[in-house]
Amino acid sequence: MNTRSRLVVRLMMTALFGACAFLLPAQEIGIGNNDDKSIEERIIYNRQNTFHVAIHSQGFGAGFKLGKIRTINKTTFWQADIVSLHSPKEIKTINLLNFTTRPFVYGKLNSVFALRFGYGAEKRIFGKPYWGGVETRWTYEAGASLAFMKPYYYHVVVYESYGDNDYIEKETEQTFDTHDQWIAIIGRSAFGKGITETKLSPGIHASTGISFDFAKSRTRVRALNVDVIAEYYPLGVTIMDGQRNPWFYLTLMLSYNWGERFNK
């Protein structure tokens, strides 16, 4: 046997022993890890319910999901959310002559909130290693939306007729559509002002994103979701005076999800 042959044999033996040394401990760790698990960790669950809070490119939101675990790789769910919708053109300001009044957004017509109801699914992309880590899932969902448009009122000073060719200044609450009568804006009115004048605008939405579940236990869900949401309102949703009745909204949402897996 020449030198080259002996070198090849040594490399093969080294690789063989290395593989055995790697596989045997791995098997022992896997078996021992399963034996050490609680009964709750070994059960196959069929339900997954979660709550979430979110921040997105047009406001904030919160909601919940009622899920059914179909297979180890797929979970379907019903979802409900309530989110605020703001315009990128909103700029808060204050009356510089009276710092105790509420800040206001000049040109705002409505405070808008949207309810979303939908059905979707999560599909596993990468599972967690046996020692823990992060499970990655692809999520998608679609359903109905309902926007609530509450008129945005300002606390303003206006001219009021008093006798022949005489006027007095009076404080009142008005929307932006009557701003030609204003002398000055004092601040934003209380949120409850105009709530009985709220208008509805139905729509539809669809979303897709990635979920990163970092919970240490299989019975719990602790996940960060990144989603893109497209929303369509046939009747439009008006927030600012310069953008009346836009019908399409695209938002990027980051949410924190927590909940439990269990058997019904």
Protein backbone atom coordinates (compact mmCIF):
# COMPACT_ATOMS: atom_id res chain seq x y z
CA MET A 1 0.00 0.00 0.00
CA ASN A 2 1.53 3.23 -1.11
CA THR A 3 1.50 6.51 0.75
CA ARG A 4 -1.48 7.90 -1.16
CA SER A 5 -3.58 4.81 -0.42
CA ARG A 6 -2.73 4.93 3.27
CA LEU A 7 -3.74 8.60 3.37
CA VAL A 8 -7.10 7.86 1.75
CA VAL A 9 -7.79 5.04 4.23
CA ARG A 10 -6.94 7.28 7.16
CA LEU A 11 -9.26 9.99 5.89
CA MET A 12 -12.09 7.49 5.43
CA MET A 13 -11.59 6.05 8.93
CA THR A 14 -11.47 9.52 10.43
CA ALA A 15 -14.70 10.47 8.67
CA LEU A 16 -16.38 7.22 9.80
CA PHE A 17 -15.42 7.65 13.44
CA GLY A 18 -16.39 11.31 13.30
CA ALA A 19 -19.84 10.43 11.96
CA CYS A 20 -20.34 7.81 14.69
CA ALA A 21 -19.19 10.24 17.35
CA PHE A 22 -21.69 12.80 16.06
CA LEU A 23 -24.67 10.49 15.58
CA LEU A 24 -24.49 8.55 18.84
CA PRO A 25 -24.64 11.59 21.13
CA ALA A 26 -27.33 13.10 18.95
CA GLN A 27 -29.47 9.99 19.40
CA GLU A 28 -28.89 9.99 23.13
CA ILE A 29 -29.78 13.67 23.36
CA GLY A 30 -32.93 13.19 21.32
CA ILE A 31 -34.14 10.24 23.39
CA GLY A 32 -33.25 11.87 26.63
CA ASN A 33 -34.91 15.09 25.57
CA ASN A 34 -38.19 13.31 24.81
CA ASP A 35 -38.10 11.41 28.10
CA ASP A 36 -37.60 14.64 30.00
CA LYS A 37 -40.55 16.38 28.36
CA SER A 38 -43.76 16.84 30.29
CA ILE A 39 -46.96 15.20 29.07
CA GLU A 40 -48.19 18.62 27.89
CA GLU A 41 -45.18 18.87 25.56
CA ARG A 42 -45.86 15.46 23.97
CA ILE A 43 -49.59 15.94 23.24
CA ILE A 44 -50.68 16.81 19.71
CA TYR A 45 -52.98 19.83 20.01
CA ASN A 46 -55.85 20.81 17.72
CA ARG A 47 -56.63 24.38 18.79
CA GLN A 48 -54.60 27.61 18.82
CA ASN A 49 -56.10 30.86 20.13
CA THR A 50 -54.12 34.10 20.25
CA PHE A 51 -54.45 37.82 20.96
CA HIS A 52 -52.34 40.53 19.37
CA VAL A 53 -51.49 44.20 19.54
CA ALA A 54 -50.11 45.97 16.50
CA ILE A 55 -48.53 49.09 15.12
CA HIS A 56 -48.84 49.80 11.43
CA SER A 57 -48.00 52.46 8.89
CA GLN A 58 -51.37 54.17 9.43
CA GLY A 59 -51.98 53.75 13.15
CA PHE A 60 -52.46 51.14 15.86
CA GLY A 61 -54.65 48.10 16.38
CA ALA A 62 -55.55 45.00 18.38
CA GLY A 63 -57.40 41.75 17.78
CA PHE A 64 -57.56 37.99 18.20
CA LYS A 65 -57.41 34.73 16.24
CA LEU A 66 -59.36 31.51 16.82
CA GLY A 67 -57.33 28.75 15.17
CA LYS A 68 -57.65 25.06 14.35
CA ILE A 69 -54.47 23.02 13.89
CA ARG A 70 -55.09 20.92 10.77
CA THR A 71 -51.66 19.29 10.51
CA ILE A 72 -48.21 19.85 11.97
CA ASN A 73 -47.55 22.23 9.07
CA LYS A 74 -50.87 24.07 8.73
CA THR A 75 -53.21 26.00 11.03
CA THR A 76 -56.38 27.75 9.86
CA PHE A 77 -57.99 30.59 11.81
CA TRP A 78 -60.77 33.14 12.07
CA GLN A 79 -59.49 36.65 12.83
CA ALA A 80 -60.99 39.92 14.08
CA ASP A 81 -59.18 43.27 14.35
CA ILE A 82 -59.92 46.88 15.15
CA VAL A 83 -57.41 49.41 13.83
CA SER A 84 -57.11 53.17 13.53
CA LEU A 85 -56.51 54.70 10.11
CA HIS A 86 -54.51 57.90 9.73
CA SER A 87 -53.31 59.85 6.73
CA PRO A 88 -49.61 60.52 6.13
CA LYS A 89 -50.62 64.17 5.68
CA GLU A 90 -51.76 64.52 9.29
CA ILE A 91 -49.60 66.99 11.21
CA LYS A 92 -50.52 67.82 14.79
CA THR A 93 -50.21 71.41 15.94
CA ILE A 94 -51.34 73.59 18.85
CA ASN A 95 -52.69 77.09 19.37
CA LEU A 96 -49.55 79.03 20.26
CA LEU A 97 -51.60 81.51 22.28
CA ASN A 98 -53.12 78.81 24.49
CA PHE A 99 -50.92 75.82 25.29
CA THR A 100 -53.55 74.25 27.59
CA THR A 101 -55.89 73.30 24.72
CA ARG A 102 -55.89 69.99 22.87
CA PRO A 103 -53.57 69.56 19.84
CA PHE A 104 -55.38 69.41 16.51
CA VAL A 105 -54.80 68.35 12.90
CA TYR A 106 -55.60 71.13 10.45
CA GLY A 107 -57.64 69.89 7.49
CA LYS A 108 -58.82 66.66 9.09
CA LEU A 109 -62.41 65.70 8.28
CA ASN A 110 -62.88 62.34 10.02
CA SER A 111 -61.39 60.14 12.71
CA VAL A 112 -61.44 56.67 11.14
CA PHE A 113 -61.44 53.21 12.70
CA ALA A 114 -61.82 49.93 10.82
CA LEU A 115 -63.17 46.57 11.91
CA ARG A 116 -61.76 43.59 10.01
CA PHE A 117 -63.13 40.06 9.99
CA GLY A 118 -61.40 37.34 8.01
CA TYR A 119 -60.37 33.74 7.50
CA GLY A 120 -56.80 32.64 6.91
CA ALA A 121 -54.04 30.11 7.49
CA GLU A 122 -50.48 29.68 8.70
CA LYS A 123 -48.09 27.32 6.89
CA ARG A 124 -44.83 26.28 8.48
CA ILE A 125 -41.68 27.17 6.54
CA PHE A 126 -39.02 26.23 9.12
CA GLY A 127 -39.72 24.26 12.29
CA LYS A 128 -37.92 24.67 15.59
CA PRO A 129 -34.80 22.55 16.23
CA TYR A 130 -35.07 20.10 19.12
CA TRP A 131 -33.15 22.49 21.38
CA GLY A 132 -35.58 25.35 20.73
CA GLY A 133 -35.28 28.43 18.61
CA VAL A 134 -37.63 30.21 16.23
CA GLU A 135 -40.35 28.66 14.07
CA THR A 136 -41.10 30.54 10.86
CA ARG A 137 -44.53 30.47 9.21
CA TRP A 138 -46.12 32.04 6.17
CA THR A 139 -49.51 33.60 6.94
CA TYR A 140 -52.31 34.77 4.69
CA GLU A 141 -55.84 36.00 5.38
CA ALA A 142 -58.77 37.74 3.66
CA GLY A 143 -62.21 38.99 4.59
CA ALA A 144 -64.54 41.92 5.13
CA SER A 145 -63.78 45.41 6.47
CA LEU A 146 -66.05 48.08 7.90
CA ALA A 147 -64.76 51.64 8.32
CA PHE A 148 -66.28 54.03 10.88
CA MET A 149 -65.87 57.70 9.94
CA LYS A 150 -66.57 60.01 12.87
CA PRO A 151 -66.55 63.74 12.02
CA TYR A 152 -63.54 65.57 13.42
CA TYR A 153 -64.62 68.69 15.33
CA TYR A 154 -62.57 71.78 16.16
CA HIS A 155 -63.05 74.17 19.07
CA VAL A 156 -63.02 77.50 17.23
CA VAL A 157 -63.78 81.21 17.53
CA VAL A 158 -66.29 82.62 15.01
CA TYR A 159 -68.02 85.91 14.24
CA GLU A 160 -71.66 86.13 15.27
CA SER A 161 -74.02 88.90 14.16
CA TYR A 162 -75.09 91.27 16.92
CA GLY A 163 -77.43 94.02 15.78
CA ASP A 164 -76.93 96.07 12.64
CA ASN A 165 -73.42 95.68 11.27
CA ASP A 166 -72.17 94.56 14.66
CA TYR A 167 -70.40 91.28 15.37
CA ILE A 168 -69.11 89.54 18.45
CA GLU A 169 -66.63 86.74 18.85
CA LYS A 170 -68.03 83.43 20.09
CA GLU A 171 -66.48 80.05 20.85
CA THR A 172 -68.14 77.01 19.28
CA GLU A 173 -67.40 73.59 17.79
CA GLN A 174 -67.38 73.04 14.04
CA THR A 175 -66.01 70.72 11.37
CA PHE A 176 -63.46 71.72 8.77
CA ASP A 177 -66.18 72.16 6.12
CA THR A 178 -67.27 75.40 7.84
CA HIS A 179 -63.78 76.84 8.31
CA ASP A 180 -64.61 80.03 6.34
CA GLN A 181 -66.35 81.36 9.47
CA TRP A 182 -63.38 80.89 11.77
CA ILE A 183 -61.21 83.53 13.32
CA ALA A 184 -58.98 81.03 15.08
CA ILE A 185 -58.77 77.38 16.08
CA ILE A 186 -58.49 76.96 19.82
CA GLY A 187 -57.98 73.20 19.73
CA ARG A 188 -59.54 69.83 19.02
CA SER A 189 -62.97 69.08 20.46
CA ALA A 190 -63.56 66.12 22.78
CA PHE A 191 -63.53 62.73 21.05
CA GLY A 192 -67.21 62.11 21.80
CA LYS A 193 -68.26 65.16 19.80
CA GLY A 194 -69.87 64.01 16.55
CA ILE A 195 -70.03 60.33 17.45
CA THR A 196 -73.74 60.18 16.58
CA GLU A 197 -72.87 61.45 13.08
CA THR A 198 -70.56 58.52 12.34
CA LYS A 199 -70.82 57.12 8.82
CA LEU A 200 -70.02 53.58 7.68
CA SER A 201 -68.10 52.42 4.62
CA PRO A 202 -67.94 48.65 3.90
CA GLY A 203 -64.96 47.08 2.15
CA ILE A 204 -62.75 44.02 1.72
CA HIS A 205 -59.14 43.27 2.60
CA ALA A 206 -56.39 40.69 2.12
CA SER A 207 -53.06 40.24 3.87
CA THR A 208 -49.93 38.13 3.73
CA GLY A 209 -46.84 37.99 5.91
CA ILE A 210 -44.31 36.07 7.98
CA SER A 211 -44.66 34.90 11.59
CA PHE A 212 -41.71 34.23 13.91
CA ASP A 213 -42.73 32.10 16.91
CA PHE A 214 -40.10 32.09 19.67
CA ALA A 215 -42.10 30.47 22.51
CA LYS A 216 -40.12 27.93 24.55
CA SER A 217 -43.11 25.64 25.06
CA ARG A 218 -45.30 23.95 22.44
CA THR A 219 -48.34 24.85 24.52
CA ARG A 220 -47.72 28.57 24.10
CA VAL A 221 -47.56 31.04 21.25
CA ARG A 222 -45.21 34.02 21.45
CA ALA A 223 -44.71 35.44 17.98
CA LEU A 224 -43.83 38.55 16.01
CA ASN A 225 -45.72 38.95 12.75
CA VAL A 226 -44.86 41.18 9.82
CA ASP A 227 -47.80 41.60 7.41
CA VAL A 228 -48.73 43.61 4.33
CA ILE A 229 -52.45 44.47 4.14
CA ALA A 230 -54.36 45.70 1.09
CA GLU A 231 -57.80 47.19 1.71
CA TYR A 232 -60.50 48.28 -0.77
CA TYR A 233 -63.51 50.49 0.02
CA PRO A 234 -65.89 50.97 -2.96
CA LEU A 235 -67.48 54.05 -1.35
CA GLY A 236 -64.16 55.49 -0.25
CA VAL A 237 -62.90 56.52 3.18
CA THR A 238 -62.13 60.20 3.78
CA ILE A 239 -59.64 61.29 6.43
CA MET A 240 -58.18 64.60 5.18
CA ASP A 241 -59.72 67.44 3.18
CA GLY A 242 -57.08 67.16 0.46
CA GLN A 243 -57.76 63.43 -0.05
CA ARG A 244 -61.49 62.86 -0.28
CA ASN A 245 -62.81 59.32 -0.68
CA PRO A 246 -59.69 57.33 -1.60
CA TRP A 247 -60.78 53.73 -2.13
CA PHE A 248 -57.50 51.82 -1.70
CA TYR A 249 -55.24 51.57 1.36
CA LEU A 250 -51.96 49.63 1.65
CA THR A 251 -50.42 49.20 5.10
CA LEU A 252 -47.43 47.45 6.67
CA MET A 253 -48.16 45.99 10.11
CA LEU A 254 -45.95 44.68 12.93
CA SER A 255 -47.80 42.75 15.64
CA TYR A 256 -46.99 40.85 18.81
CA ASN A 257 -49.06 37.68 19.27
CA TRP A 258 -49.52 35.63 22.43
CA GLY A 259 -51.79 32.71 23.25
CA GLU A 260 -52.14 28.98 23.92
CA ARG A 261 -52.38 25.65 22.10
CA PHE A 262 -54.83 23.16 23.58
CA ASN A 263 -57.31 20.39 22.82
CA LYS A 264 -61.02 21.11 22.64
